[in-house]
C-alpha atoms as a PDB file:
ATOM      1  CA  MET A   1     -10.977   1.385  20.416  1.00  0.00           C
ATOM      2  CA  THR A   2      -8.156  -0.462  18.669  1.00  0.00           C
ATOM      3  CA  ALA A   3      -8.028  -0.764  14.881  1.00  0.00           C
ATOM      4  CA  SER A   4      -5.549  -2.609  12.745  1.00  0.00           C
ATOM      5  CA  ILE A   5      -4.567  -3.118   9.131  1.00  0.00           C
ATOM      6  CA  GLY A   6      -3.037  -6.419   8.054  1.00  0.00           C
ATOM      7  CA  ILE A   7      -0.682  -6.022   5.098  1.00  0.00           C
ATOM      8  CA  TRP A   8       1.060  -8.901   3.289  1.00  0.00           C
ATOM      9  CA  ALA A   9       3.260  -9.040   0.187  1.00  0.00           C
ATOM     10  CA  GLN A  10       1.769 -11.317  -2.439  1.00  0.00           C
ATOM     11  CA  GLY A  11       4.791 -13.214  -3.725  1.00  0.00           C
ATOM     12  CA  ASP A  12       8.440 -12.235  -3.584  1.00  0.00           C
ATOM     13  CA  PRO A  13       9.032  -8.745  -2.130  1.00  0.00           C
ATOM     14  CA  SER A  14      12.475  -8.454  -3.761  1.00  0.00           C
ATOM     15  CA  GLY A  15      11.143  -7.369  -7.170  1.00  0.00           C
ATOM     16  CA  GLU A  16      10.922  -3.849  -8.534  1.00  0.00           C
ATOM     17  CA  SER A  17       7.134  -3.830  -8.126  1.00  0.00           C
ATOM     18  CA  VAL A  18       5.507  -5.557  -5.159  1.00  0.00           C
ATOM     19  CA  LEU A  19       1.797  -6.306  -4.849  1.00  0.00           C
ATOM     20  CA  TYR A  20       0.425  -6.063  -1.294  1.00  0.00           C
ATOM     21  CA  ARG A  21      -2.914  -7.312   0.021  1.00  0.00           C
ATOM     22  CA  TRP A  22      -4.437  -5.485   2.965  1.00  0.00           C
ATOM     23  CA  GLU A  23      -7.379  -6.145   5.282  1.00  0.00           C
ATOM     24  CA  ALA A  24      -9.040  -3.607   7.570  1.00  0.00           C
ATOM     25  CA  ASP A  25     -12.535  -2.653   8.729  1.00  0.00           C
ATOM     26  CA  GLN A  26     -14.004  -5.764   7.057  1.00  0.00           C
ATOM     27  CA  GLN A  27     -12.536  -4.591   3.730  1.00  0.00           C
ATOM     28  CA  THR A  28      -9.818  -6.055   1.537  1.00  0.00           C
ATOM     29  CA  GLY A  29      -7.755  -4.332  -1.105  1.00  0.00           C
ATOM     30  CA  TYR A  30      -4.476  -4.319  -2.958  1.00  0.00           C
ATOM     31  CA  VAL A  31      -1.748  -1.784  -3.656  1.00  0.00           C
ATOM     32  CA  THR A  32       1.360  -1.963  -5.778  1.00  0.00           C
ATOM     33  CA  PHE A  33       4.618  -0.543  -4.471  1.00  0.00           C
ATOM     34  CA  GLU A  34       7.067   0.519  -7.174  1.00  0.00           C
ATOM     35  CA  VAL A  35      10.238   0.082  -5.136  1.00  0.00           C
ATOM     36  CA  PRO A  36      12.757   2.161  -7.184  1.00  0.00           C
ATOM     37  CA  THR A  37      10.472   5.234  -7.243  1.00  0.00           C
ATOM     38  CA  ARG A  38       8.604   4.426  -3.982  1.00  0.00           C
ATOM     39  CA  ARG A  39       5.289   5.129  -5.720  1.00  0.00           C
ATOM     40  CA  PHE A  40       2.046   3.422  -4.687  1.00  0.00           C
ATOM     41  CA  ARG A  41      -1.105   2.709  -6.668  1.00  0.00           C
ATOM     42  CA  PRO A  42      -4.324   0.922  -5.692  1.00  0.00           C
ATOM     43  CA  ALA A  43      -4.627  -2.298  -7.683  1.00  0.00           C
ATOM     44  CA  ASP A  44      -6.793  -5.318  -8.288  1.00  0.00           C
ATOM     45  CA  ASP A  45      -5.730  -8.796  -7.151  1.00  0.00           C
ATOM     46  CA  SER A  46      -3.632  -9.272 -10.307  1.00  0.00           C
ATOM     47  CA  GLY A  47      -1.702  -6.040  -9.751  1.00  0.00           C
ATOM     48  CA  GLN A  48      -3.459  -3.957 -12.420  1.00  0.00           C
ATOM     49  CA  PRO A  49      -3.884  -0.309 -11.333  1.00  0.00           C
ATOM     50  CA  ILE A  50      -7.347   0.958 -10.406  1.00  0.00           C
ATOM     51  CA  GLY A  51      -7.941   4.461 -11.741  1.00  0.00           C
ATOM     52  CA  ASP A  52      -5.140   7.003 -11.733  1.00  0.00           C
ATOM     53  CA  LEU A  53      -4.754   7.388  -7.961  1.00  0.00           C
ATOM     54  CA  LEU A  54      -1.052   7.602  -7.131  1.00  0.00           C
ATOM     55  CA  PHE A  55       1.030   8.330  -4.062  1.00  0.00           C
ATOM     56  CA  ASP A  56       4.370   9.791  -5.142  1.00  0.00           C
ATOM     57  CA  PRO A  57       6.767  10.606  -2.269  1.00  0.00           C
ATOM     58  CA  ALA A  58       8.269  13.437  -4.327  1.00  0.00           C
ATOM     59  CA  VAL A  59       4.873  15.175  -4.104  1.00  0.00           C
ATOM     60  CA  GLY A  60       4.108  13.972  -0.566  1.00  0.00           C
ATOM     61  CA  GLU A  61       0.385  13.371  -1.029  1.00  0.00           C
ATOM     62  CA  PRO A  62      -1.926  11.321  -3.237  1.00  0.00           C
ATOM     63  CA  SER A  63      -3.148  12.595  -6.585  1.00  0.00           C
ATOM     64  CA  GLY A  64      -5.795  11.305  -8.967  1.00  0.00           C
ATOM     65  CA  THR A  65      -8.853   9.194  -8.263  1.00  0.00           C
ATOM     66  CA  ALA A  66      -9.881   5.548  -8.208  1.00  0.00           C
ATOM     67  CA  ALA A  67     -13.537   4.518  -8.168  1.00  0.00           C
ATOM     68  CA  GLY A  68     -14.425   2.379  -5.168  1.00  0.00           C
ATOM     69  CA  VAL A  69     -11.094   2.919  -3.382  1.00  0.00           C
ATOM     70  CA  ASN A  70     -11.245   4.177   0.205  1.00  0.00           C
ATOM     71  CA  GLN A  71      -8.593   6.905   0.081  1.00  0.00           C
ATOM     72  CA  ARG A  72      -8.221   7.034   3.887  1.00  0.00           C
ATOM     73  CA  LEU A  73      -7.351   3.330   3.991  1.00  0.00           C
ATOM     74  CA  PHE A  74      -5.123   3.702   0.917  1.00  0.00           C
ATOM     75  CA  ASN A  75      -3.173   6.437   2.731  1.00  0.00           C
ATOM     76  CA  GLN A  76      -2.878   4.334   5.904  1.00  0.00           C
ATOM     77  CA  VAL A  77      -1.612   1.320   3.927  1.00  0.00           C
ATOM     78  CA  VAL A  78       0.955   3.506   2.138  1.00  0.00           C
ATOM     79  CA  VAL A  79       2.213   4.923   5.451  1.00  0.00           C
ATOM     80  CA  ALA A  80       2.483   1.450   7.027  1.00  0.00           C
ATOM     81  CA  ILE A  81       4.450   0.025   4.090  1.00  0.00           C
ATOM     82  CA  MET A  82       6.753   3.067   3.967  1.00  0.00           C
ATOM     83  CA  ARG A  83       7.488   2.787   7.705  1.00  0.00           C
ATOM     84  CA  ALA A  84       8.396  -0.876   7.315  1.00  0.00           C
ATOM     85  CA  TYR A  85      10.441  -0.068   4.189  1.00  0.00           C
ATOM     86  CA  ARG A  86      12.432   2.590   6.041  1.00  0.00           C
ATOM     87  CA  ARG A  87      13.140   0.213   8.939  1.00  0.00           C
ATOM     88  CA  ALA A  88      14.253  -2.672   6.708  1.00  0.00           C
ATOM     89  CA  GLY A  89      15.742  -0.771   3.768  1.00  0.00           C
ATOM     90  CA  THR A  90      13.877  -3.119   1.399  1.00  0.00           C
ATOM     91  CA  ALA A  91      10.268  -3.857   0.514  1.00  0.00           C
ATOM     92  CA  PRO A  92       8.842  -5.640   3.567  1.00  0.00           C
ATOM     93  CA  ALA A  93       7.095  -9.015   3.569  1.00  0.00           C
ATOM     94  CA  THR A  94       4.519  -7.594   6.003  1.00  0.00           C
ATOM     95  CA  ALA A  95       3.668  -4.122   7.240  1.00  0.00           C
ATOM     96  CA  HIS A  96       0.841  -4.466   9.750  1.00  0.00           C
ATOM     97  CA  ALA A  97      -0.352  -1.265  11.421  1.00  0.00           C
ATOM     98  CA  TYR A  98      -2.148  -0.782  14.728  1.00  0.00           C
ATOM     99  CA  TYR A  99      -4.072   2.314  15.769  1.00  0.00           C
ATOM    100  CA  TYR A 100      -5.311   3.087  19.302  1.00  0.00           C
END
């Protein structure tokens, strides 16, 4: 079975904080990517953080919680954006992921 996550930057990805919208498994969500620190947080559609869930690459795993946020999908979105970031050297406009 093939699964995918569609990930799109909402607005200009050249800022210091980029809001991404993702879609997967008939769900939609948002994450913010703080480019200088490479930290990720789940967010609402206006970019406001949800809970205190945070992925900090210095720690290497998520910490905190966020009510209603699917942590597995959050982790997969973070990994997809980081892969695209490493390839491009900048925050990507898209970071779709495909799983087989």
